[in-house]
Amino acid sequence: MFTKVGQIMLYVDNQDEAVNFWTEKLGFIVTSEENNDGGMRWIEIAPKKGAETTIVLHNKEVVANMSPGVNLDTPSLMFYSDDFEHLHQDLQNKGITVGEIVNMPSGRVFNFADNEDHYFAVMEK
């Protein structure tokens, strides 16, 4: 029986730039970093210490070479914010590509792009 989503794999072209984006611009923290002898490096990030679900940044090229059948597409992620309008403005102020706030049946939402033009959404909670 499943109990929770533990990690989400995000395959990126440049792990160092991705870490900088997520930590410097979005305020995430690095919870762990591993580098094995086979050239596989992964960096686990989270929005805060103790978060139940984390994002693991993997090098897209390395994963493609190791496991040719793995789907390397960007997952559709929905983040929640309890300071929604402030977050929207803060991301804009930091020069991040941010979409307009849209009213959906489930609440207000906007999207943003990371440094590699992967798009993610934020919902007001």
PDB file of N, CA and C in Angstrom:
ATOM      1  N   MET A   1       0.844  -1.178   0.000  1.00  0.00           N
ATOM      2  CA  MET A   1       0.000   0.000   0.000  1.00  0.00           C
ATOM      3  C   MET A   1       0.891   1.244   0.000  1.00  0.00           C
ATOM      4  N   PHE A   2       0.577   2.198  -0.857  1.00  0.00           N
ATOM      5  CA  PHE A   2       1.331   3.453  -0.913  1.00  0.00           C
ATOM      6  C   PHE A   2       0.957   4.333   0.278  1.00  0.00           C
ATOM      7  N   THR A   3       1.930   5.066   0.782  1.00  0.00           N
ATOM      8  CA  THR A   3       1.658   5.959   1.903  1.00  0.00           C
ATOM      9  C   THR A   3       1.870   7.437   1.577  1.00  0.00           C
ATOM     10  N   LYS A   4       2.732   7.736   0.600  1.00  0.00           N
ATOM     11  CA  LYS A   4       2.968   9.128   0.205  1.00  0.00           C
ATOM     12  C   LYS A   4       3.849   9.151  -1.031  1.00  0.00           C
ATOM     13  N   VAL A   5       3.950  10.310  -1.659  1.00  0.00           N
ATOM     14  CA  VAL A   5       4.916  10.520  -2.737  1.00  0.00           C
ATOM     15  C   VAL A   5       6.188  11.014  -2.075  1.00  0.00           C
ATOM     16  N   GLY A   6       7.272  10.275  -2.240  1.00  0.00           N
ATOM     17  CA  GLY A   6       8.517  10.625  -1.570  1.00  0.00           C
ATOM     18  C   GLY A   6       9.386  11.568  -2.365  1.00  0.00           C
ATOM     19  N   GLN A   7       9.654  11.211  -3.631  1.00  0.00           N
ATOM     20  CA  GLN A   7      10.542  12.019  -4.462  1.00  0.00           C
ATOM     21  C   GLN A   7       9.961  12.141  -5.864  1.00  0.00           C
ATOM     22  N   ILE A   8      10.242  13.264  -6.470  1.00  0.00           N
ATOM     23  CA  ILE A   8       9.898  13.500  -7.869  1.00  0.00           C
ATOM     24  C   ILE A   8      11.202  13.721  -8.601  1.00  0.00           C
ATOM     25  N   MET A   9      11.402  12.969  -9.677  1.00  0.00           N
ATOM     26  CA  MET A   9      12.628  13.091 -10.450  1.00  0.00           C
ATOM     27  C   MET A   9      12.453  14.189 -11.495  1.00  0.00           C
ATOM     28  N   LEU A  10      13.376  15.130 -11.522  1.00  0.00           N
ATOM     29  CA  LEU A  10      13.385  16.193 -12.513  1.00  0.00           C
ATOM     30  C   LEU A  10      14.702  16.093 -13.265  1.00  0.00           C
ATOM     31  N   TYR A  11      14.610  15.797 -14.557  1.00  0.00           N
ATOM     32  CA  TYR A  11      15.794  15.611 -15.393  1.00  0.00           C
ATOM     33  C   TYR A  11      16.152  16.938 -16.038  1.00  0.00           C
ATOM     34  N   VAL A  12      17.375  17.393 -15.800  1.00  0.00           N
ATOM     35  CA  VAL A  12      17.814  18.712 -16.242  1.00  0.00           C
ATOM     36  C   VAL A  12      19.096  18.605 -17.054  1.00  0.00           C
ATOM     37  N   ASP A  13      19.354  19.623 -17.862  1.00  0.00           N
ATOM     38  CA  ASP A  13      20.569  19.658 -18.674  1.00  0.00           C
ATOM     39  C   ASP A  13      21.783  20.075 -17.855  1.00  0.00           C
ATOM     40  N   ASN A  14      21.585  20.968 -16.889  1.00  0.00           N
ATOM     41  CA  ASN A  14      22.702  21.467 -16.083  1.00  0.00           C
ATOM     42  C   ASN A  14      22.286  21.468 -14.613  1.00  0.00           C
ATOM     43  N   GLN A  15      22.787  20.511 -13.866  1.00  0.00           N
ATOM     44  CA  GLN A  15      22.387  20.371 -12.467  1.00  0.00           C
ATOM     45  C   GLN A  15      22.796  21.573 -11.611  1.00  0.00           C
ATOM     46  N   ASP A  16      23.976  22.101 -11.829  1.00  0.00           N
ATOM     47  CA  ASP A  16      24.437  23.227 -11.014  1.00  0.00           C
ATOM     48  C   ASP A  16      23.563  24.461 -11.232  1.00  0.00           C
ATOM     49  N   GLU A  17      23.230  24.745 -12.485  1.00  0.00           N
ATOM     50  CA  GLU A  17      22.347  25.880 -12.768  1.00  0.00           C
ATOM     51  C   GLU A  17      20.953  25.644 -12.198  1.00  0.00           C
ATOM     52  N   ALA A  18      20.481  24.398 -12.284  1.00  0.00           N
ATOM     53  CA  ALA A  18      19.165  24.069 -11.734  1.00  0.00           C
ATOM     54  C   ALA A  18      19.146  24.252 -10.218  1.00  0.00           C
ATOM     55  N   VAL A  19      20.192  23.787  -9.542  1.00  0.00           N
ATOM     56  CA  VAL A  19      20.270  23.967  -8.086  1.00  0.00           C
ATOM     57  C   VAL A  19      20.260  25.449  -7.746  1.00  0.00           C
ATOM     58  N   ASN A  20      21.032  26.234  -8.471  1.00  0.00           N
ATOM     59  CA  ASN A  20      21.054  27.675  -8.219  1.00  0.00           C
ATOM     60  C   ASN A  20      19.677  28.293  -8.404  1.00  0.00           C
ATOM     61  N   PHE A  21      18.967  27.907  -9.462  1.00  0.00           N
ATOM     62  CA  PHE A  21      17.629  28.448  -9.690  1.00  0.00           C
ATOM     63  C   PHE A  21      16.703  28.115  -8.521  1.00  0.00           C
ATOM     64  N   TRP A  22      16.633  26.840  -8.177  1.00  0.00           N
ATOM     65  CA  TRP A  22      15.690  26.403  -7.149  1.00  0.00           C
ATOM     66  C   TRP A  22      16.039  26.945  -5.762  1.00  0.00           C
ATOM     67  N   THR A  23      17.318  27.076  -5.460  1.00  0.00           N
ATOM     68  CA  THR A  23      17.692  27.560  -4.131  1.00  0.00           C
ATOM     69  C   THR A  23      17.767  29.082  -4.069  1.00  0.00           C
ATOM     70  N   GLU A  24      18.445  29.692  -5.025  1.00  0.00           N
ATOM     71  CA  GLU A  24      18.646  31.143  -4.981  1.00  0.00           C
ATOM     72  C   GLU A  24      17.382  31.931  -5.327  1.00  0.00           C
ATOM     73  N   LYS A  25      16.645  31.467  -6.318  1.00  0.00           N
ATOM     74  CA  LYS A  25      15.469  32.231  -6.761  1.00  0.00           C
ATOM     75  C   LYS A  25      14.180  31.796  -6.072  1.00  0.00           C
ATOM     76  N   LEU A  26      14.061  30.501  -5.743  1.00  0.00           N
ATOM     77  CA  LEU A  26      12.810  30.013  -5.171  1.00  0.00           C
ATOM     78  C   LEU A  26      12.884  29.719  -3.682  1.00  0.00           C
ATOM     79  N   GLY A  27      14.091  29.719  -3.116  1.00  0.00           N
ATOM     80  CA  GLY A  27      14.220  29.527  -1.684  1.00  0.00           C
ATOM     81  C   GLY A  27      14.189  28.079  -1.215  1.00  0.00           C
ATOM     82  N   PHE A  28      14.301  27.127  -2.140  1.00  0.00           N
ATOM     83  CA  PHE A  28      14.379  25.718  -1.752  1.00  0.00           C
ATOM     84  C   PHE A  28      15.709  25.472  -1.053  1.00  0.00           C
ATOM     85  N   ILE A  29      15.797  24.352  -0.360  1.00  0.00           N
ATOM     86  CA  ILE A  29      17.043  23.966   0.296  1.00  0.00           C
ATOM     87  C   ILE A  29      17.531  22.642  -0.295  1.00  0.00           C
ATOM     88  N   VAL A  30      18.840  22.446  -0.274  1.00  0.00           N
ATOM     89  CA  VAL A  30      19.418  21.162  -0.671  1.00  0.00           C
ATOM     90  C   VAL A  30      19.375  20.272   0.550  1.00  0.00           C
ATOM     91  N   THR A  31      18.691  19.128   0.428  1.00  0.00           N
ATOM     92  CA  THR A  31      18.593  18.208   1.563  1.00  0.00           C
ATOM     93  C   THR A  31      19.654  17.117   1.496  1.00  0.00           C
ATOM     94  N   SER A  32      20.124  16.802   0.294  1.00  0.00           N
ATOM     95  CA  SER A  32      21.230  15.854   0.159  1.00  0.00           C
ATOM     96  C   SER A  32      21.799  15.936  -1.250  1.00  0.00           C
ATOM     97  N   GLU A  33      23.025  15.492  -1.371  1.00  0.00           N
ATOM     98  CA  GLU A  33      23.685  15.410  -2.673  1.00  0.00           C
ATOM     99  C   GLU A  33      24.523  14.146  -2.678  1.00  0.00           C
ATOM    100  N   GLU A  34      24.380  13.375  -3.733  1.00  0.00           N
ATOM    101  CA  GLU A  34      25.107  12.116  -3.862  1.00  0.00           C
ATOM    102  C   GLU A  34      25.839  12.103  -5.198  1.00  0.00           C
ATOM    103  N   ASN A  35      26.985  11.444  -5.206  1.00  0.00           N
ATOM    104  CA  ASN A  35      27.759  11.311  -6.422  1.00  0.00           C
ATOM    105  C   ASN A  35      28.434   9.948  -6.358  1.00  0.00           C
ATOM    106  N   ASN A  36      27.959   8.998  -7.178  1.00  0.00           N
ATOM    107  CA  ASN A  36      28.550   7.663  -7.096  1.00  0.00           C
ATOM    108  C   ASN A  36      29.743   7.537  -8.043  1.00  0.00           C
ATOM    109  N   ASP A  37      30.432   6.443  -7.968  1.00  0.00           N
ATOM    110  CA  ASP A  37      31.642   6.240  -8.766  1.00  0.00           C
ATOM    111  C   ASP A  37      31.352   6.113 -10.261  1.00  0.00           C
ATOM    112  N   GLY A  38      30.118   5.828 -10.620  1.00  0.00           N
ATOM    113  CA  GLY A  38      29.756   5.634 -12.023  1.00  0.00           C
ATOM    114  C   GLY A  38      29.376   6.904 -12.752  1.00  0.00           C
ATOM    115  N   GLY A  39      29.584   8.051 -12.148  1.00  0.00           N
ATOM    116  CA  GLY A  39      29.252   9.310 -12.803  1.00  0.00           C
ATOM    117  C   GLY A  39      27.828   9.774 -12.570  1.00  0.00           C
ATOM    118  N   MET A  40      27.083   9.055 -11.754  1.00  0.00           N
ATOM    119  CA  MET A  40      25.705   9.423 -11.452  1.00  0.00           C
ATOM    120  C   MET A  40      25.689  10.367 -10.255  1.00  0.00           C
ATOM    121  N   ARG A  41      25.193  11.570 -10.479  1.00  0.00           N
ATOM    122  CA  ARG A  41      25.094  12.576  -9.423  1.00  0.00           C
ATOM    123  C   ARG A  41      23.642  12.990  -9.304  1.00  0.00           C
ATOM    124  N   TRP A  42      23.152  13.114  -8.085  1.00  0.00           N
ATOM    125  CA  TRP A  42      21.803  13.620  -7.902  1.00  0.00           C
ATOM    126  C   TRP A  42      21.771  14.547  -6.705  1.00  0.00           C
ATOM    127  N   ILE A  43      20.918  15.558  -6.821  1.00  0.00           N
ATOM    128  CA  ILE A  43      20.783  16.573  -5.784  1.00  0.00           C
ATOM    129  C   ILE A  43      19.321  16.617  -5.384  1.00  0.00           C
ATOM    130  N   GLU A  44      19.068  16.412  -4.102  1.00  0.00           N
ATOM    131  CA  GLU A  44      17.701  16.421  -3.582  1.00  0.00           C
ATOM    132  C   GLU A  44      17.414  17.795  -2.987  1.00  0.00           C
ATOM    133  N   ILE A  45      16.303  18.390  -3.400  1.00  0.00           N
ATOM    134  CA  ILE A  45      15.913  19.711  -2.915  1.00  0.00           C
ATOM    135  C   ILE A  45      14.494  19.642  -2.363  1.00  0.00           C
ATOM    136  N   ALA A  46      14.174  20.597  -1.507  1.00  0.00           N
ATOM    137  CA  ALA A  46      12.844  20.658  -0.908  1.00  0.00           C
ATOM    138  C   ALA A  46      12.488  22.109  -0.607  1.00  0.00           C
ATOM    139  N   PRO A  47      11.190  22.420  -0.552  1.00  0.00           N
ATOM    140  CA  PRO A  47      10.796  23.797  -0.246  1.00  0.00           C
ATOM    141  C   PRO A  47      11.119  24.204   1.191  1.00  0.00           C
ATOM    142  N   LYS A  48      11.261  23.197   2.073  1.00  0.00           N
ATOM    143  CA  LYS A  48      11.608  23.486   3.470  1.00  0.00           C
ATOM    144  C   LYS A  48      12.132  22.219   4.121  1.00  0.00           C
ATOM    145  N   LYS A  49      12.808  22.375   5.226  1.00  0.00           N
ATOM    146  CA  LYS A  49      13.315  21.230   5.977  1.00  0.00           C
ATOM    147  C   LYS A  49      12.132  20.391   6.458  1.00  0.00           C
ATOM    148  N   GLY A  50      12.265  19.083   6.300  1.00  0.00           N
ATOM    149  CA  GLY A  50      11.218  18.179   6.752  1.00  0.00           C
ATOM    150  C   GLY A  50      10.075  17.978   5.775  1.00  0.00           C
ATOM    151  N   ALA A  51      10.176  18.529   4.570  1.00  0.00           N
ATOM    152  CA  ALA A  51       9.109  18.349   3.577  1.00  0.00           C
ATOM    153  C   ALA A  51       8.953  16.862   3.268  1.00  0.00           C
ATOM    154  N   GLU A  52       7.713  16.408   3.145  1.00  0.00           N
ATOM    155  CA  GLU A  52       7.471  14.995   2.876  1.00  0.00           C
ATOM    156  C   GLU A  52       7.845  14.599   1.456  1.00  0.00           C
ATOM    157  N   THR A  53       7.696  15.510   0.521  1.00  0.00           N
ATOM    158  CA  THR A  53       8.025  15.222  -0.874  1.00  0.00           C
ATOM    159  C   THR A  53       9.172  16.127  -1.294  1.00  0.00           C
ATOM    160  N   THR A  54      10.171  15.543  -1.950  1.00  0.00           N
ATOM    161  CA  THR A  54      11.316  16.304  -2.419  1.00  0.00           C
ATOM    162  C   THR A  54      11.450  16.147  -3.933  1.00  0.00           C
ATOM    163  N   ILE A  55      12.249  17.010  -4.517  1.00  0.00           N
ATOM    164  CA  ILE A  55      12.564  16.943  -5.944  1.00  0.00           C
ATOM    165  C   ILE A  55      14.021  16.522  -6.050  1.00  0.00           C
ATOM    166  N   VAL A  56      14.296  15.555  -6.917  1.00  0.00           N
ATOM    167  CA  VAL A  56      15.661  15.114  -7.134  1.00  0.00           C
ATOM    168  C   VAL A  56      16.082  15.540  -8.533  1.00  0.00           C
ATOM    169  N   LEU A  57      17.128  16.341  -8.609  1.00  0.00           N
ATOM    170  CA  LEU A  57      17.646  16.843  -9.880  1.00  0.00           C
ATOM    171  C   LEU A  57      18.668  15.855 -10.421  1.00  0.00           C
ATOM    172  N   HIS A  58      18.359  15.291 -11.573  1.00  0.00           N
ATOM    173  CA  HIS A  58      19.237  14.327 -12.234  1.00  0.00           C
ATOM    174  C   HIS A  58      19.728  14.914 -13.548  1.00  0.00           C
ATOM    175  N   ASN A  59      20.921  14.531 -13.951  1.00  0.00           N
ATOM    176  CA  ASN A  59      21.460  14.938 -15.239  1.00  0.00           C
ATOM    177  C   ASN A  59      20.757  14.132 -16.341  1.00  0.00           C
ATOM    178  N   LYS A  60      20.065  14.829 -17.205  1.00  0.00           N
ATOM    179  CA  LYS A  60      19.260  14.190 -18.246  1.00  0.00           C
ATOM    180  C   LYS A  60      20.100  13.293 -19.156  1.00  0.00           C
ATOM    181  N   GLU A  61      21.254  13.769 -19.571  1.00  0.00           N
ATOM    182  CA  GLU A  61      22.102  13.004 -20.487  1.00  0.00           C
ATOM    183  C   GLU A  61      22.615  11.720 -19.842  1.00  0.00           C
ATOM    184  N   VAL A  62      23.044  11.810 -18.591  1.00  0.00           N
ATOM    185  CA  VAL A  62      23.556  10.634 -17.882  1.00  0.00           C
ATOM    186  C   VAL A  62      22.460   9.586 -17.732  1.00  0.00           C
ATOM    187  N   VAL A  63      21.265  10.013 -17.334  1.00  0.00           N
ATOM    188  CA  VAL A  63      20.150   9.077 -17.160  1.00  0.00           C
ATOM    189  C   VAL A  63      19.767   8.451 -18.503  1.00  0.00           C
ATOM    190  N   ALA A  64      19.740   9.248 -19.567  1.00  0.00           N
ATOM    191  CA  ALA A  64      19.396   8.720 -20.895  1.00  0.00           C
ATOM    192  C   ALA A  64      20.385   7.650 -21.335  1.00  0.00           C
ATOM    193  N   ASN A  65      21.660   7.846 -21.045  1.00  0.00           N
ATOM    194  CA  ASN A  65      22.676   6.861 -21.413  1.00  0.00           C
ATOM    195  C   ASN A  65      22.589   5.595 -20.565  1.00  0.00           C
ATOM    196  N   MET A  66      22.260   5.748 -19.295  1.00  0.00           N
ATOM    197  CA  MET A  66      22.168   4.602 -18.394  1.00  0.00           C
ATOM    198  C   MET A  66      20.886   3.792 -18.609  1.00  0.00           C
ATOM    199  N   SER A  67      19.787   4.500 -18.878  1.00  0.00           N
ATOM    200  CA  SER A  67      18.471   3.868 -18.990  1.00  0.00           C
ATOM    201  C   SER A  67      17.727   4.461 -20.181  1.00  0.00           C
ATOM    202  N   PRO A  68      18.025   3.977 -21.398  1.00  0.00           N
ATOM    203  CA  PRO A  68      17.438   4.576 -22.596  1.00  0.00           C
ATOM    204  C   PRO A  68      15.910   4.608 -22.630  1.00  0.00           C
ATOM    205  N   GLY A  69      15.241   3.754 -21.891  1.00  0.00           N
ATOM    206  CA  GLY A  69      13.773   3.715 -21.920  1.00  0.00           C
ATOM    207  C   GLY A  69      13.088   4.654 -20.948  1.00  0.00           C
ATOM    208  N   VAL A  70      13.855   5.350 -20.113  1.00  0.00           N
ATOM    209  CA  VAL A  70      13.255   6.229 -19.106  1.00  0.00           C
ATOM    210  C   VAL A  70      12.656   7.466 -19.783  1.00  0.00           C
ATOM    211  N   ASN A  71      11.446   7.829 -19.368  1.00  0.00           N
ATOM    212  CA  ASN A  71      10.793   9.038 -19.866  1.00  0.00           C
ATOM    213  C   ASN A  71      11.452  10.242 -19.192  1.00  0.00           C
ATOM    214  N   LEU A  72      12.113  11.078 -19.973  1.00  0.00           N
ATOM    215  CA  LEU A  72      12.850  12.226 -19.446  1.00  0.00           C
ATOM    216  C   LEU A  72      12.053  13.525 -19.516  1.00  0.00           C
ATOM    217  N   ASP A  73      10.763  13.419 -19.853  1.00  0.00           N
ATOM    218  CA  ASP A  73       9.924  14.617 -19.928  1.00  0.00           C
ATOM    219  C   ASP A  73       9.782  15.258 -18.547  1.00  0.00           C
ATOM    220  N   THR A  74       9.479  16.532 -18.546  1.00  0.00           N
ATOM    221  CA  THR A  74       9.281  17.267 -17.303  1.00  0.00           C
ATOM    222  C   THR A  74       7.938  16.900 -16.695  1.00  0.00           C
ATOM    223  N   PRO A  75       7.910  16.550 -15.412  1.00  0.00           N
ATOM    224  CA  PRO A  75       6.626  16.241 -14.778  1.00  0.00           C
ATOM    225  C   PRO A  75       5.801  17.511 -14.585  1.00  0.00           C
ATOM    226  N   SER A  76       4.493  17.369 -14.587  1.00  0.00           N
ATOM    227  CA  SER A  76       3.604  18.491 -14.294  1.00  0.00           C
ATOM    228  C   SER A  76       3.478  18.591 -12.776  1.00  0.00           C
ATOM    229  N   LEU A  77       4.070  19.615 -12.213  1.00  0.00           N
ATOM    230  CA  LEU A  77       4.055  19.792 -10.767  1.00  0.00           C
ATOM    231  C   LEU A  77       3.180  20.968 -10.385  1.00  0.00           C
ATOM    232  N   MET A  78       2.394  20.789  -9.338  1.00  0.00           N
ATOM    233  CA  MET A  78       1.557  21.858  -8.783  1.00  0.00           C
ATOM    234  C   MET A  78       2.048  22.129  -7.370  1.00  0.00           C
ATOM    235  N   PHE A  79       2.551  23.324  -7.164  1.00  0.00           N
ATOM    236  CA  PHE A  79       2.983  23.747  -5.837  1.00  0.00           C
ATOM    237  C   PHE A  79       1.845  24.527  -5.190  1.00  0.00           C
ATOM    238  N   TYR A  80       1.817  24.543  -3.868  1.00  0.00           N
ATOM    239  CA  TYR A  80       0.830  25.325  -3.114  1.00  0.00           C
ATOM    240  C   TYR A  80       1.535  26.485  -2.429  1.00  0.00           C
ATOM    241  N   SER A  81       0.811  27.584  -2.276  1.00  0.00           N
ATOM    242  CA  SER A  81       1.352  28.737  -1.563  1.00  0.00           C
ATOM    243  C   SER A  81       0.261  29.350  -0.703  1.00  0.00           C
ATOM    244  N   ASP A  82       0.625  29.709   0.532  1.00  0.00           N
ATOM    245  CA  ASP A  82      -0.324  30.416   1.388  1.00  0.00           C
ATOM    246  C   ASP A  82      -0.058  31.921   1.363  1.00  0.00           C
ATOM    247  N   ASP A  83       0.922  32.343   0.562  1.00  0.00           N
ATOM    248  CA  ASP A  83       1.215  33.770   0.348  1.00  0.00           C
ATOM    249  C   ASP A  83       1.294  33.994  -1.161  1.00  0.00           C
ATOM    250  N   PHE A  84       0.228  33.621  -1.815  1.00  0.00           N
ATOM    251  CA  PHE A  84       0.119  33.480  -3.257  1.00  0.00           C
ATOM    252  C   PHE A  84       0.503  34.746  -4.030  1.00  0.00           C
ATOM    253  N   GLU A  85      -0.149  35.860  -3.741  1.00  0.00           N
ATOM    254  CA  GLU A  85       0.117  37.093  -4.500  1.00  0.00           C
ATOM    255  C   GLU A  85       1.533  37.597  -4.269  1.00  0.00           C
ATOM    256  N   HIS A  86       2.021  37.478  -3.042  1.00  0.00           N
ATOM    257  CA  HIS A  86       3.393  37.888  -2.756  1.00  0.00           C
ATOM    258  C   HIS A  86       4.381  37.030  -3.540  1.00  0.00           C
ATOM    259  N   LEU A  87       4.139  35.710  -3.573  1.00  0.00           N
ATOM    260  CA  LEU A  87       5.016  34.811  -4.329  1.00  0.00           C
ATOM    261  C   LEU A  87       5.009  35.177  -5.810  1.00  0.00           C
ATOM    262  N   HIS A  88       3.827  35.422  -6.361  1.00  0.00           N
ATOM    263  CA  HIS A  88       3.703  35.792  -7.778  1.00  0.00           C
ATOM    264  C   HIS A  88       4.548  37.033  -8.072  1.00  0.00           C
ATOM    265  N   GLN A  89       4.417  38.054  -7.235  1.00  0.00           N
ATOM    266  CA  GLN A  89       5.159  39.301  -7.432  1.00  0.00           C
ATOM    267  C   GLN A  89       6.660  39.095  -7.217  1.00  0.00           C
ATOM    268  N   ASP A  90       7.019  38.307  -6.213  1.00  0.00           N
ATOM    269  CA  ASP A  90       8.427  38.048  -5.917  1.00  0.00           C
ATOM    270  C   ASP A  90       9.114  37.357  -7.090  1.00  0.00           C
ATOM    271  N   LEU A  91       8.455  36.359  -7.678  1.00  0.00           N
ATOM    272  CA  LEU A  91       9.042  35.663  -8.827  1.00  0.00           C
ATOM    273  C   LEU A  91       9.218  36.623 -10.001  1.00  0.00           C
ATOM    274  N   GLN A  92       8.233  37.463 -10.235  1.00  0.00           N
ATOM    275  CA  GLN A  92       8.356  38.463 -11.306  1.00  0.00           C
ATOM    276  C   GLN A  92       9.537  39.396 -11.035  1.00  0.00           C
ATOM    277  N   ASN A  93       9.653  39.859  -9.806  1.00  0.00           N
ATOM    278  CA  ASN A  93      10.742  40.775  -9.434  1.00  0.00           C
ATOM    279  C   ASN A  93      12.113  40.145  -9.626  1.00  0.00           C
ATOM    280  N   LYS A  94      12.195  38.828  -9.530  1.00  0.00           N
ATOM    281  CA  LYS A  94      13.453  38.114  -9.704  1.00  0.00           C
ATOM    282  C   LYS A  94      13.742  37.779 -11.164  1.00  0.00           C
ATOM    283  N   GLY A  95      12.881  38.236 -12.064  1.00  0.00           N
ATOM    284  CA  GLY A  95      13.099  38.026 -13.493  1.00  0.00           C
ATOM    285  C   GLY A  95      12.702  36.649 -13.987  1.00  0.00           C
ATOM    286  N   ILE A  96      11.923  35.934 -13.209  1.00  0.00           N
ATOM    287  CA  ILE A  96      11.452  34.607 -13.611  1.00  0.00           C
ATOM    288  C   ILE A  96      10.243  34.772 -14.521  1.00  0.00           C
ATOM    289  N   THR A  97      10.151  33.944 -15.546  1.00  0.00           N
ATOM    290  CA  THR A  97       8.982  33.958 -16.422  1.00  0.00           C
ATOM    291  C   THR A  97       7.787  33.467 -15.616  1.00  0.00           C
ATOM    292  N   VAL A  98       6.793  34.339 -15.468  1.00  0.00           N
ATOM    293  CA  VAL A  98       5.620  34.044 -14.639  1.00  0.00           C
ATOM    294  C   VAL A  98       4.366  34.346 -15.450  1.00  0.00           C
ATOM    295  N   GLY A  99       3.399  33.436 -15.397  1.00  0.00           N
ATOM    296  CA  GLY A  99       2.136  33.639 -16.088  1.00  0.00           C
ATOM    297  C   GLY A  99       1.183  34.482 -15.254  1.00  0.00           C
ATOM    298  N   GLU A 100       0.105  34.879 -15.884  1.00  0.00           N
ATOM    299  CA  GLU A 100      -0.944  35.641 -15.210  1.00  0.00           C
ATOM    300  C   GLU A 100      -1.662  34.752 -14.193  1.00  0.00           C
ATOM    301  N   ILE A 101      -2.234  35.362 -13.185  1.00  0.00           N
ATOM    302  CA  ILE A 101      -3.062  34.638 -12.226  1.00  0.00           C
ATOM    303  C   ILE A 101      -4.393  34.326 -12.898  1.00  0.00           C
ATOM    304  N   VAL A 102      -4.779  33.059 -12.825  1.00  0.00           N
ATOM    305  CA  VAL A 102      -5.995  32.583 -13.477  1.00  0.00           C
ATOM    306  C   VAL A 102      -6.914  31.985 -12.410  1.00  0.00           C
ATOM    307  N   ASN A 103      -8.207  32.290 -12.509  1.00  0.00           N
ATOM    308  CA  ASN A 103      -9.197  31.695 -11.617  1.00  0.00           C
ATOM    309  C   ASN A 103      -9.656  30.368 -12.195  1.00  0.00           C
ATOM    310  N   MET A 104      -9.453  29.300 -11.422  1.00  0.00           N
ATOM    311  CA  MET A 104      -9.879  27.959 -11.801  1.00  0.00           C
ATOM    312  C   MET A 104     -10.952  27.511 -10.810  1.00  0.00           C
ATOM    313  N   PRO A 105     -11.725  26.498 -11.166  1.00  0.00           N
ATOM    314  CA  PRO A 105     -12.734  26.016 -10.208  1.00  0.00           C
ATOM    315  C   PRO A 105     -12.140  25.605  -8.856  1.00  0.00           C
ATOM    316  N   SER A 106     -10.881  25.164  -8.860  1.00  0.00           N
ATOM    317  CA  SER A 106     -10.248  24.714  -7.623  1.00  0.00           C
ATOM    318  C   SER A 106      -9.514  25.835  -6.890  1.00  0.00           C
ATOM    319  N   GLY A 107      -9.420  27.026  -7.495  1.00  0.00           N
ATOM    320  CA  GLY A 107      -8.728  28.148  -6.867  1.00  0.00           C
ATOM    321  C   GLY A 107      -7.880  28.915  -7.869  1.00  0.00           C
ATOM    322  N   ARG A 108      -7.187  29.929  -7.375  1.00  0.00           N
ATOM    323  CA  ARG A 108      -6.338  30.739  -8.252  1.00  0.00           C
ATOM    324  C   ARG A 108      -5.012  30.035  -8.499  1.00  0.00           C
ATOM    325  N   VAL A 109      -4.525  30.172  -9.744  1.00  0.00           N
ATOM    326  CA  VAL A 109      -3.324  29.470 -10.187  1.00  0.00           C
ATOM    327  C   VAL A 109      -2.502  30.389 -11.080  1.00  0.00           C
ATOM    328  N   PHE A 110      -1.179  30.227 -11.039  1.00  0.00           N
ATOM    329  CA  PHE A 110      -0.308  30.812 -12.058  1.00  0.00           C
ATOM    330  C   PHE A 110       0.801  29.821 -12.350  1.00  0.00           C
ATOM    331  N   ASN A 111       1.474  30.008 -13.470  1.00  0.00           N
ATOM    332  CA  ASN A 111       2.593  29.128 -13.787  1.00  0.00           C
ATOM    333  C   ASN A 111       3.886  29.941 -13.819  1.00  0.00           C
ATOM    334  N   PHE A 112       4.999  29.225 -13.769  1.00  0.00           N
ATOM    335  CA  PHE A 112       6.312  29.856 -13.875  1.00  0.00           C
ATOM    336  C   PHE A 112       7.243  28.881 -14.575  1.00  0.00           C
ATOM    337  N   ALA A 113       8.315  29.425 -15.136  1.00  0.00           N
ATOM    338  CA  ALA A 113       9.308  28.597 -15.834  1.00  0.00           C
ATOM    339  C   ALA A 113      10.615  28.619 -15.060  1.00  0.00           C
ATOM    340  N   ASP A 114      11.287  27.463 -15.052  1.00  0.00           N
ATOM    341  CA  ASP A 114      12.611  27.411 -14.433  1.00  0.00           C
ATOM    342  C   ASP A 114      13.662  27.887 -15.427  1.00  0.00           C
ATOM    343  N   ASN A 115      14.910  27.734 -15.084  1.00  0.00           N
ATOM    344  CA  ASN A 115      16.010  28.217 -15.922  1.00  0.00           C
ATOM    345  C   ASN A 115      16.152  27.448 -17.230  1.00  0.00           C
ATOM    346  N   GLU A 116      15.496  26.284 -17.361  1.00  0.00           N
ATOM    347  CA  GLU A 116      15.542  25.501 -18.602  1.00  0.00           C
ATOM    348  C   GLU A 116      14.189  25.496 -19.325  1.00  0.00           C
ATOM    349  N   ASP A 117      13.344  26.446 -18.967  1.00  0.00           N
ATOM    350  CA  ASP A 117      12.007  26.601 -19.564  1.00  0.00           C
ATOM    351  C   ASP A 117      11.075  25.425 -19.308  1.00  0.00           C
ATOM    352  N   HIS A 118      11.244  24.755 -18.172  1.00  0.00           N
ATOM    353  CA  HIS A 118      10.255  23.785 -17.721  1.00  0.00           C
ATOM    354  C   HIS A 118       9.190  24.585 -16.988  1.00  0.00           C
ATOM    355  N   TYR A 119       7.928  24.332 -17.262  1.00  0.00           N
ATOM    356  CA  TYR A 119       6.845  25.082 -16.629  1.00  0.00           C
ATOM    357  C   TYR A 119       6.210  24.289 -15.497  1.00  0.00           C
ATOM    358  N   PHE A 120       5.910  25.007 -14.406  1.00  0.00           N
ATOM    359  CA  PHE A 120       5.278  24.450 -13.228  1.00  0.00           C
ATOM    360  C   PHE A 120       4.153  25.387 -12.807  1.00  0.00           C
ATOM    361  N   ALA A 121       3.244  24.902 -11.982  1.00  0.00           N
ATOM    362  CA  ALA A 121       2.120  25.713 -11.551  1.00  0.00           C
ATOM    363  C   ALA A 121       2.138  25.912 -10.046  1.00  0.00           C
ATOM    364  N   VAL A 122       1.497  27.006  -9.615  1.00  0.00           N
ATOM    365  CA  VAL A 122       1.331  27.321  -8.192  1.00  0.00           C
ATOM    366  C   VAL A 122      -0.137  27.601  -7.955  1.00  0.00           C
ATOM    367  N   MET A 123      -0.688  26.983  -6.905  1.00  0.00           N
ATOM    368  CA  MET A 123      -2.091  27.192  -6.535  1.00  0.00           C
ATOM    369  C   MET A 123      -2.162  27.840  -5.166  1.00  0.00           C
ATOM    370  N   GLU A 124      -3.093  28.741  -5.021  1.00  0.00           N
ATOM    371  CA  GLU A 124      -3.313  29.403  -3.724  1.00  0.00           C
ATOM    372  C   GLU A 124      -3.956  28.401  -2.773  1.00  0.00           C
ATOM    373  N   LYS A 125      -3.364  28.246  -1.609  1.00  0.00           N
ATOM    374  CA  LYS A 125      -3.910  27.354  -0.569  1.00  0.00           C
ATOM    375  C   LYS A 125      -3.835  28.040   0.763  1.00  0.00           C
TER     376      LYS A 125
END
